[in-house]
Amino acid sequence: MTIGLTYDLRTDYLAEGYSLEETAEFDDESTIEGIEQAIQKAGHQTERIGHARHLMARLLKGDTWDMVFNITEGLYGGGRESLVPALLDAYRIPYVFSDAVTMALTLNKAFAKQIVRDAGVNTAAFHVVYREEDIAQIDLVFPLFAKPISEGTGKGVDTASKIETPEELEIVCRRLLKTFNQAVLVEEYLPGREFTVGILGTGADAFVAGAMECVFTNGQDVLLSLENKDIWESIMNLVAVEGDILEACKDMALKSWRALNCYDGGRMDAKIDRHGNLSFIEMNPLAGLHPTSSYMPILCRMNGLSYQKVIETILESATKRHFGI
């Protein structure tokens, strides 16, 4: 099988003049190489395509592939992660990972929280600020936490994100609205332990590959800002989760994964709330896949799943979905 690779290579965008912050979610060459080598080792041919505009040009030329391994994040808009899946759907080309609908829903953190909440999953009380007038309508218990509604990799998160007073709330929301030109998610702050959970497979076949806790080395909760995520190895340890908390993570992850109709592989983040209960933060159906430094491969490795096995399991799930084998 010939498998095309769609991705956002950070150096491509930097060369076009985009900033370090704008390209923070994009991959480096070693990520693409790792995925490509694992796919080839699984017995398939690969062909690099690149980002959405490269894909569009190739599609218009009439190029096609048996399947596409898609990890593109996109640049702009609430549907940026949906663009490549939608294009591939238009040409009826099978692809790995979730479809355009799920990608858009999970990118919008409030939509995802609404869906999993309706599925019986615990998540912090929240309010969406679309414009400055919405700030006065917030009726939540302080402290609060505010972040852009559709960003990742810690964008828009800093020491001011944890909010103690109505005055701080107004300042932070106004700044985020102006800076990111999108709605702001304001939710009740989660003070407890933080976990990330890896899921592989689809629907009834989905399973939790493992979970790990983010334990900060100074013993205090540190906000995972854009800057801190770049230096996470120096500020926290990642510890495999066992026992009752692992079972709670598994239950929440699978309920959320299936409620959001995610495919093939991804990652859920959760924290303990002020009542001592595990609380859903967000689902990432396009989890980072750097062989050694991304959370998903790390937690899988902690639980006996090699990087090669992770990629093969993702491919097997997608193949079964598309071809029934």
Protein backbone atom coordinates (compact mmCIF):
# COMPACT_ATOMS: atom_id res chain seq x y z
CA MET A 1 0.00 0.00 0.00
CA THR A 2 1.25 3.50 -0.86
CA ILE A 3 0.67 5.90 2.01
CA GLY A 4 0.95 9.65 1.52
CA LEU A 5 2.13 11.84 4.38
CA THR A 6 0.45 15.18 5.08
CA TYR A 7 2.02 17.38 7.73
CA ASP A 8 2.96 20.93 8.68
CA LEU A 9 6.75 21.16 8.70
CA ARG A 10 7.70 24.08 10.91
CA THR A 11 10.70 25.12 8.82
CA ASP A 12 8.48 25.47 5.74
CA TYR A 13 6.32 28.08 7.46
CA LEU A 14 9.24 29.88 9.12
CA ALA A 15 10.80 30.24 5.68
CA GLU A 16 7.57 31.88 4.52
CA GLY A 17 7.84 34.48 7.29
CA TYR A 18 5.50 33.07 9.93
CA SER A 19 6.49 33.58 13.57
CA LEU A 20 7.71 31.06 16.14
CA GLU A 21 4.41 31.36 18.02
CA GLU A 22 2.30 30.91 14.88
CA THR A 23 4.20 27.73 14.05
CA ALA A 24 4.47 26.37 17.60
CA GLU A 25 2.21 23.38 16.95
CA PHE A 26 4.02 22.29 13.79
CA ASP A 27 6.42 19.38 13.44
CA ASP A 28 10.14 19.17 12.82
CA GLU A 29 11.89 16.92 10.34
CA SER A 30 12.64 14.21 12.91
CA THR A 31 8.91 13.68 13.52
CA ILE A 32 8.22 13.18 9.82
CA GLU A 33 11.21 10.87 9.50
CA GLY A 34 10.10 8.81 12.49
CA ILE A 35 6.58 8.30 11.15
CA GLU A 36 7.82 7.59 7.63
CA GLN A 37 10.35 5.00 8.77
CA ALA A 38 7.79 3.25 10.97
CA ILE A 39 5.29 3.07 8.10
CA GLN A 40 7.95 1.68 5.77
CA LYS A 41 9.02 -0.85 8.40
CA ALA A 42 5.38 -1.97 8.56
CA GLY A 43 5.67 -2.96 4.89
CA HIS A 44 4.23 0.08 3.08
CA GLN A 45 5.59 2.57 0.59
CA THR A 46 5.47 6.26 1.56
CA GLU A 47 5.25 9.49 -0.36
CA ARG A 48 5.64 12.89 1.25
CA ILE A 49 2.93 15.41 0.38
CA GLY A 50 3.30 18.24 2.92
CA HIS A 51 0.77 20.80 4.10
CA ALA A 52 -2.75 21.55 2.86
CA ARG A 53 -1.72 23.77 -0.04
CA HIS A 54 0.72 21.14 -1.27
CA LEU A 55 -2.06 18.55 -1.02
CA MET A 56 -4.44 20.74 -3.01
CA ALA A 57 -1.90 21.15 -5.79
CA ARG A 58 -1.29 17.41 -5.93
CA LEU A 59 -5.02 16.60 -5.97
CA LEU A 60 -5.60 19.04 -8.83
CA LYS A 61 -2.85 17.26 -10.79
CA GLY A 62 -4.73 14.00 -10.32
CA ASP A 63 -2.36 12.39 -7.80
CA THR A 64 -3.81 9.85 -5.41
CA TRP A 65 -2.71 7.40 -2.71
CA ASP A 66 -4.09 4.22 -1.17
CA MET A 67 -4.28 6.04 2.16
CA VAL A 68 -2.94 9.25 3.72
CA PHE A 69 -1.32 9.51 7.16
CA ASN A 70 -2.50 12.97 8.16
CA ILE A 71 -0.98 15.02 10.98
CA THR A 72 -1.66 18.55 9.63
CA GLU A 73 -2.74 21.16 12.19
CA GLY A 74 -3.42 24.07 9.83
CA LEU A 75 -2.86 27.76 10.42
CA TYR A 76 -6.08 29.73 10.66
CA GLY A 77 -9.71 29.37 11.68
CA GLY A 78 -11.85 27.05 13.76
CA GLY A 79 -11.76 24.43 11.02
CA ARG A 80 -8.00 24.46 10.43
CA GLU A 81 -7.55 20.82 11.52
CA SER A 82 -10.53 19.82 9.35
CA LEU A 83 -9.18 21.13 6.06
CA VAL A 84 -7.07 18.14 5.01
CA PRO A 85 -9.66 15.51 6.07
CA ALA A 86 -12.34 17.42 4.14
CA LEU A 87 -10.17 17.63 1.02
CA LEU A 88 -9.42 13.92 1.19
CA ASP A 89 -13.12 13.15 1.67
CA ALA A 90 -13.90 15.21 -1.45
CA TYR A 91 -11.57 12.97 -3.45
CA ARG A 92 -12.62 9.81 -1.56
CA ILE A 93 -9.08 9.09 -0.42
CA PRO A 94 -8.88 7.12 2.86
CA TYR A 95 -6.86 8.67 5.69
CA VAL A 96 -5.60 8.03 9.17
CA PHE A 97 -7.11 9.78 12.22
CA SER A 98 -10.41 11.54 12.80
CA ASP A 99 -12.69 13.12 10.22
CA ALA A 100 -13.43 16.79 9.58
CA VAL A 101 -16.39 16.93 11.97
CA THR A 102 -14.49 15.53 14.95
CA MET A 103 -11.43 17.64 14.23
CA ALA A 104 -13.50 20.83 14.34
CA LEU A 105 -15.42 19.79 17.46
CA THR A 106 -12.34 18.87 19.47
CA LEU A 107 -10.40 21.97 18.39
CA ASN A 108 -13.19 24.03 19.97
CA LYS A 109 -12.65 23.23 23.65
CA ALA A 110 -16.14 24.35 24.68
CA PHE A 111 -17.89 22.19 22.08
CA ALA A 112 -15.85 19.19 23.21
CA LYS A 113 -16.69 19.85 26.87
CA GLN A 114 -20.40 20.12 26.06
CA ILE A 115 -20.40 16.79 24.25
CA VAL A 116 -18.49 14.84 26.87
CA ARG A 117 -20.55 16.44 29.65
CA ASP A 118 -23.73 15.23 27.96
CA ALA A 119 -22.12 11.77 27.83
CA GLY A 120 -21.78 11.80 31.62
CA VAL A 121 -18.12 12.82 31.83
CA ASN A 122 -17.11 15.24 34.59
CA THR A 123 -15.70 18.54 33.35
CA ALA A 124 -15.22 21.93 34.99
CA ALA A 125 -18.03 24.49 34.85
CA PHE A 126 -17.24 26.98 32.10
CA HIS A 127 -18.38 30.04 30.17
CA VAL A 128 -17.49 31.16 26.65
CA VAL A 129 -16.59 34.81 26.06
CA TYR A 130 -17.25 35.74 22.44
CA ARG A 131 -17.07 39.51 22.97
CA GLU A 132 -16.25 41.85 25.83
CA GLU A 133 -19.92 42.20 26.83
CA ASP A 134 -20.00 38.48 27.72
CA ILE A 135 -17.53 38.91 30.59
CA ALA A 136 -20.17 40.43 32.87
CA GLN A 137 -22.35 37.31 32.46
CA ILE A 138 -19.79 34.92 33.98
CA ASP A 139 -21.08 33.31 37.18
CA LEU A 140 -18.38 30.83 38.19
CA VAL A 141 -16.48 30.08 41.40
CA PHE A 142 -13.03 31.69 41.61
CA PRO A 143 -10.22 30.96 40.95
CA LEU A 144 -10.83 30.69 37.22
CA PHE A 145 -8.71 29.76 34.23
CA ALA A 146 -8.89 31.46 30.82
CA LYS A 147 -7.43 30.45 27.46
CA PRO A 148 -8.18 30.82 23.74
CA ILE A 149 -10.93 28.42 22.75
CA SER A 150 -9.15 26.83 19.77
CA GLU A 151 -5.42 26.89 20.39
CA GLY A 152 -2.96 24.23 21.50
CA THR A 153 0.62 23.84 22.70
CA GLY A 154 0.03 26.31 25.51
CA LYS A 155 -0.72 29.28 23.23
CA GLY A 156 -2.33 32.08 25.22
CA VAL A 157 -1.48 30.48 28.56
CA ASP A 158 0.78 32.33 31.01
CA THR A 159 0.93 33.27 34.70
CA ALA A 160 -2.10 35.54 34.25
CA SER A 161 -4.28 32.66 33.02
CA LYS A 162 -5.14 31.67 36.60
CA ILE A 163 -7.57 34.37 37.66
CA GLU A 164 -8.41 35.35 41.24
CA THR A 165 -10.63 38.45 40.89
CA PRO A 166 -13.29 39.95 38.58
CA GLU A 167 -10.81 42.71 37.70
CA GLU A 168 -8.21 40.18 36.54
CA LEU A 169 -10.91 38.31 34.61
CA GLU A 170 -11.80 41.38 32.59
CA ILE A 171 -8.17 42.25 31.84
CA VAL A 172 -7.23 38.72 30.73
CA CYS A 173 -10.34 38.15 28.60
CA ARG A 174 -9.95 41.48 26.81
CA ARG A 175 -6.30 40.72 26.08
CA LEU A 176 -6.98 37.21 24.75
CA LEU A 177 -9.88 38.39 22.58
CA LYS A 178 -7.66 41.02 21.00
CA THR A 179 -4.52 38.89 20.67
CA PHE A 180 -6.03 35.70 19.27
CA ASN A 181 -9.15 37.03 17.52
CA GLN A 182 -11.25 34.13 18.80
CA ALA A 183 -13.52 33.29 21.71
CA VAL A 184 -12.09 32.73 25.19
CA LEU A 185 -12.89 29.68 27.32
CA VAL A 186 -13.23 30.57 31.02
CA GLU A 187 -13.59 27.64 33.39
CA GLU A 188 -13.30 26.94 37.09
CA TYR A 189 -9.68 26.26 37.94
CA LEU A 190 -8.61 22.65 38.50
CA PRO A 191 -6.12 22.61 41.40
CA GLY A 192 -5.17 18.93 41.55
CA ARG A 193 -2.96 16.34 39.88
CA GLU A 194 -2.67 16.41 36.08
CA PHE A 195 -2.83 13.40 33.77
CA THR A 196 -2.56 12.64 30.08
CA VAL A 197 -4.08 9.47 28.63
CA GLY A 198 -3.30 7.75 25.33
CA ILE A 199 -6.03 6.04 23.32
CA LEU A 200 -5.59 3.74 20.32
CA GLY A 201 -8.25 2.29 18.03
CA THR A 202 -11.78 3.25 17.07
CA GLY A 203 -15.22 2.75 18.60
CA ALA A 204 -15.67 -0.56 20.39
CA ASP A 205 -12.10 -1.54 19.46
CA ALA A 206 -10.58 1.51 21.17
CA PHE A 207 -8.40 0.92 24.21
CA VAL A 208 -6.28 2.97 26.58
CA ALA A 209 -2.60 2.48 25.80
CA GLY A 210 -1.59 4.02 29.11
CA ALA A 211 -1.72 7.10 31.27
CA MET A 212 0.91 9.23 32.95
CA GLU A 213 0.96 12.01 35.52
CA CYS A 214 2.75 15.31 35.06
CA VAL A 215 4.63 15.81 38.35
CA PHE A 216 6.32 19.19 38.66
CA THR A 217 9.83 19.03 40.11
CA ASN A 218 9.35 21.98 42.47
CA GLY A 219 6.28 20.35 44.02
CA GLN A 220 3.98 23.09 42.77
CA ASP A 221 1.45 23.26 39.97
CA VAL A 222 3.02 25.05 36.99
CA LEU A 223 0.93 26.35 34.12
CA LEU A 224 1.88 24.60 30.88
CA SER A 225 2.40 27.74 28.83
CA LEU A 226 3.93 27.78 25.35
CA GLU A 227 7.33 28.50 26.90
CA ASN A 228 7.02 25.82 29.60
CA LYS A 229 5.94 23.17 27.11
CA ASP A 230 9.19 23.76 25.23
CA ILE A 231 11.22 23.05 28.39
CA TRP A 232 8.96 20.50 30.08
CA GLU A 233 11.80 18.07 30.73
CA SER A 234 13.44 20.59 33.09
CA ILE A 235 10.33 21.41 35.13
CA MET A 236 8.46 18.14 35.52
CA ASN A 237 8.68 14.39 35.54
CA LEU A 238 6.31 12.07 33.70
CA VAL A 239 5.22 9.15 35.85
CA ALA A 240 3.22 6.07 34.77
CA VAL A 241 -0.20 5.87 36.45
CA GLU A 242 -1.45 2.74 38.18
CA GLY A 243 -4.28 1.54 40.40
CA ASP A 244 -7.61 3.29 40.92
CA ILE A 245 -6.59 6.53 39.24
CA LEU A 246 -5.57 4.58 36.12
CA GLU A 247 -9.00 2.96 36.02
CA ALA A 248 -10.63 6.39 36.35
CA CYS A 249 -8.44 7.70 33.52
CA LYS A 250 -9.36 4.73 31.32
CA ASP A 251 -13.08 5.14 31.94
CA MET A 252 -13.06 8.87 31.23
CA ALA A 253 -10.83 8.58 28.17
CA LEU A 254 -12.89 5.88 26.45
CA LYS A 255 -16.23 7.56 27.21
CA SER A 256 -14.90 10.84 25.84
CA TRP A 257 -13.19 9.23 22.83
CA ARG A 258 -16.37 7.46 21.77
CA ALA A 259 -18.66 10.44 22.50
CA LEU A 260 -16.49 12.64 20.25
CA ASN A 261 -16.28 9.89 17.59
CA CYS A 262 -12.49 9.94 17.41
CA TYR A 263 -10.56 7.51 15.22
CA ASP A 264 -7.34 5.51 15.37
CA GLY A 265 -5.31 7.29 18.07
CA GLY A 266 -5.07 10.37 20.23
CA ARG A 267 -4.70 11.77 23.72
CA MET A 268 -6.93 13.08 26.50
CA ASP A 269 -5.85 15.55 29.21
CA ALA A 270 -7.49 15.63 32.66
CA LYS A 271 -6.93 17.07 36.15
CA ILE A 272 -8.36 16.61 39.62
CA ASP A 273 -10.94 19.27 40.51
CA ARG A 274 -11.51 21.01 43.86
CA HIS A 275 -13.88 18.22 44.90
CA GLY A 276 -11.21 15.54 44.36
CA ASN A 277 -12.76 14.16 41.16
CA LEU A 278 -11.06 13.57 37.81
CA SER A 279 -12.13 16.29 35.38
CA PHE A 280 -11.88 16.30 31.56
CA ILE A 281 -9.82 19.13 30.07
CA GLU A 282 -9.59 18.36 26.37
CA MET A 283 -9.22 15.69 23.71
CA ASN A 284 -6.43 15.81 21.14
CA PRO A 285 -7.18 13.57 18.11
CA LEU A 286 -3.93 14.78 16.51
CA ALA A 287 -1.53 14.00 19.32
CA GLY A 288 2.15 14.75 18.76
CA LEU A 289 4.09 11.80 17.35
CA HIS A 290 7.73 12.73 17.76
CA PRO A 291 9.37 9.34 18.48
CA THR A 292 11.07 10.39 21.72
CA SER A 293 9.68 13.70 23.03
CA SER A 294 5.91 13.68 22.37
CA TYR A 295 3.60 12.65 25.23
CA MET A 296 1.76 9.96 23.28
CA PRO A 297 4.83 7.85 22.37
CA ILE A 298 6.29 8.43 25.84
CA LEU A 299 3.26 7.14 27.73
CA CYS A 300 2.92 4.21 25.34
CA ARG A 301 6.56 3.32 25.86
CA MET A 302 6.03 3.45 29.64
CA ASN A 303 3.35 0.81 29.16
CA GLY A 304 5.29 -1.56 26.92
CA LEU A 305 4.23 -0.25 23.50
CA SER A 306 7.10 0.68 21.20
CA TYR A 307 6.86 3.57 18.76
CA GLN A 308 6.75 1.07 15.92
CA LYS A 309 3.82 -0.71 17.54
CA VAL A 310 1.96 2.57 18.08
CA ILE A 311 2.22 3.52 14.39
CA GLU A 312 1.26 0.00 13.29
CA THR A 313 -1.78 -0.02 15.61
CA ILE A 314 -2.91 3.34 14.23
CA LEU A 315 -2.53 2.05 10.66
CA GLU A 316 -4.41 -1.17 11.49
CA SER A 317 -7.31 0.81 12.95
CA ALA A 318 -7.52 3.05 9.88
CA THR A 319 -7.24 0.09 7.50
CA LYS A 320 -10.07 -1.70 9.27
CA ARG A 321 -12.28 1.41 9.13
CA HIS A 322 -11.72 2.05 5.46
CA PHE A 323 -11.26 -1.42 4.00
CA GLY A 324 -12.81 -3.76 6.55
CA ILE A 325 -9.58 -5.74 7.00
